């Protein structure tokens, strides 16, 4: 008995963006390692790369994610 069932067909209303093919899919057609999602709508999935770019920019500029280097740390 398998612990995990391999889902071969997606659910209607689940939208993904395939990184390999550069296209929007309803339900997962490509492997999970090759896609972003699920998204609530086709339009949202079409903007997956823009969303990822915006999030990366936010994380790159978030001071909570950048530790001070050894020279910048305060001496106690």
Protein backbone atom coordinates (compact mmCIF):
# COMPACT_ATOMS: atom_id res chain seq x y z
CA UNK A 1 0.00 0.00 0.00
CA UNK A 2 1.45 3.34 -1.02
CA UNK A 3 1.72 6.09 1.55
CA UNK A 4 1.22 8.83 -1.01
CA UNK A 5 -1.01 8.65 -4.03
CA UNK A 6 0.43 10.20 -7.16
CA UNK A 7 -2.12 12.68 -8.38
CA UNK A 8 -2.20 12.55 -12.14
CA UNK A 9 -5.12 14.92 -12.71
CA UNK A 10 -5.65 18.30 -11.15
CA UNK A 11 -8.77 19.71 -9.68
CA UNK A 12 -10.80 22.17 -11.73
CA UNK A 13 -10.13 25.66 -10.48
CA UNK A 14 -6.50 25.00 -9.47
CA UNK A 15 -4.14 26.98 -11.65
CA UNK A 16 -0.39 26.54 -11.95
CA UNK A 17 2.45 28.14 -13.87
CA UNK A 18 4.86 25.66 -15.47
CA UNK A 19 8.44 26.93 -15.30
CA UNK A 20 9.66 24.50 -17.98
CA UNK A 21 7.03 25.28 -20.61
CA UNK A 22 6.29 28.87 -19.55
CA UNK A 23 2.55 28.29 -19.61
CA UNK A 24 -0.47 28.30 -17.34
CA UNK A 25 -2.08 24.93 -16.57
CA UNK A 26 -5.41 24.09 -15.00
CA UNK A 27 -4.60 21.33 -12.56
CA UNK A 28 -1.03 20.12 -12.31
CA UNK A 29 0.15 18.75 -15.63
CA UNK A 30 3.87 19.02 -14.97
CA UNK A 31 5.82 17.75 -11.91
CA UNK A 32 5.69 19.85 -8.74
CA UNK A 33 9.40 20.70 -9.03
CA UNK A 34 8.67 22.48 -12.32
CA UNK A 35 5.72 24.67 -11.35
CA UNK A 36 4.45 27.49 -9.14
CA UNK A 37 1.00 27.32 -7.61
CA UNK A 38 -1.75 26.63 -7.02
CA UNK A 39 -3.29 29.99 -7.80
CA UNK A 40 -6.95 30.92 -7.45
CA UNK A 41 -7.36 32.05 -11.05
CA UNK A 42 -5.82 31.78 -14.49
CA UNK A 43 -4.98 35.50 -14.40
CA UNK A 44 -3.09 35.14 -11.12
CA UNK A 45 -1.12 32.17 -12.51
CA UNK A 46 -0.25 34.21 -15.61
CA UNK A 47 1.52 36.68 -13.32
CA UNK A 48 3.42 34.01 -11.36
CA UNK A 49 6.84 35.25 -12.48
CA UNK A 50 5.94 38.87 -11.61
CA UNK A 51 4.73 37.75 -8.17
CA UNK A 52 7.95 35.78 -7.60
CA UNK A 53 10.08 38.74 -8.74
CA UNK A 54 8.24 41.11 -6.36
CA UNK A 55 8.60 38.69 -3.44
CA UNK A 56 12.30 38.21 -4.15
CA UNK A 57 12.79 41.97 -4.18
CA UNK A 58 10.95 42.30 -0.86
CA UNK A 59 13.06 39.55 0.72
CA UNK A 60 16.31 40.95 -0.72
CA UNK A 61 15.62 44.33 0.85
CA UNK A 62 14.10 43.13 4.16
CA UNK A 63 16.55 43.93 6.96
CA UNK A 64 15.19 41.03 9.04
CA UNK A 65 16.76 38.59 6.55
CA UNK A 66 20.22 40.17 6.57
CA UNK A 67 22.43 39.51 9.57
CA UNK A 68 25.11 42.06 10.38
CA UNK A 69 28.58 41.02 9.29
CA UNK A 70 31.24 40.44 11.92
CA UNK A 71 32.62 44.00 11.50
CA UNK A 72 29.18 45.57 11.89
CA UNK A 73 28.22 43.77 15.13
CA UNK A 74 28.32 45.75 18.32
CA UNK A 75 30.88 44.73 20.88
CA UNK A 76 29.42 43.88 24.30
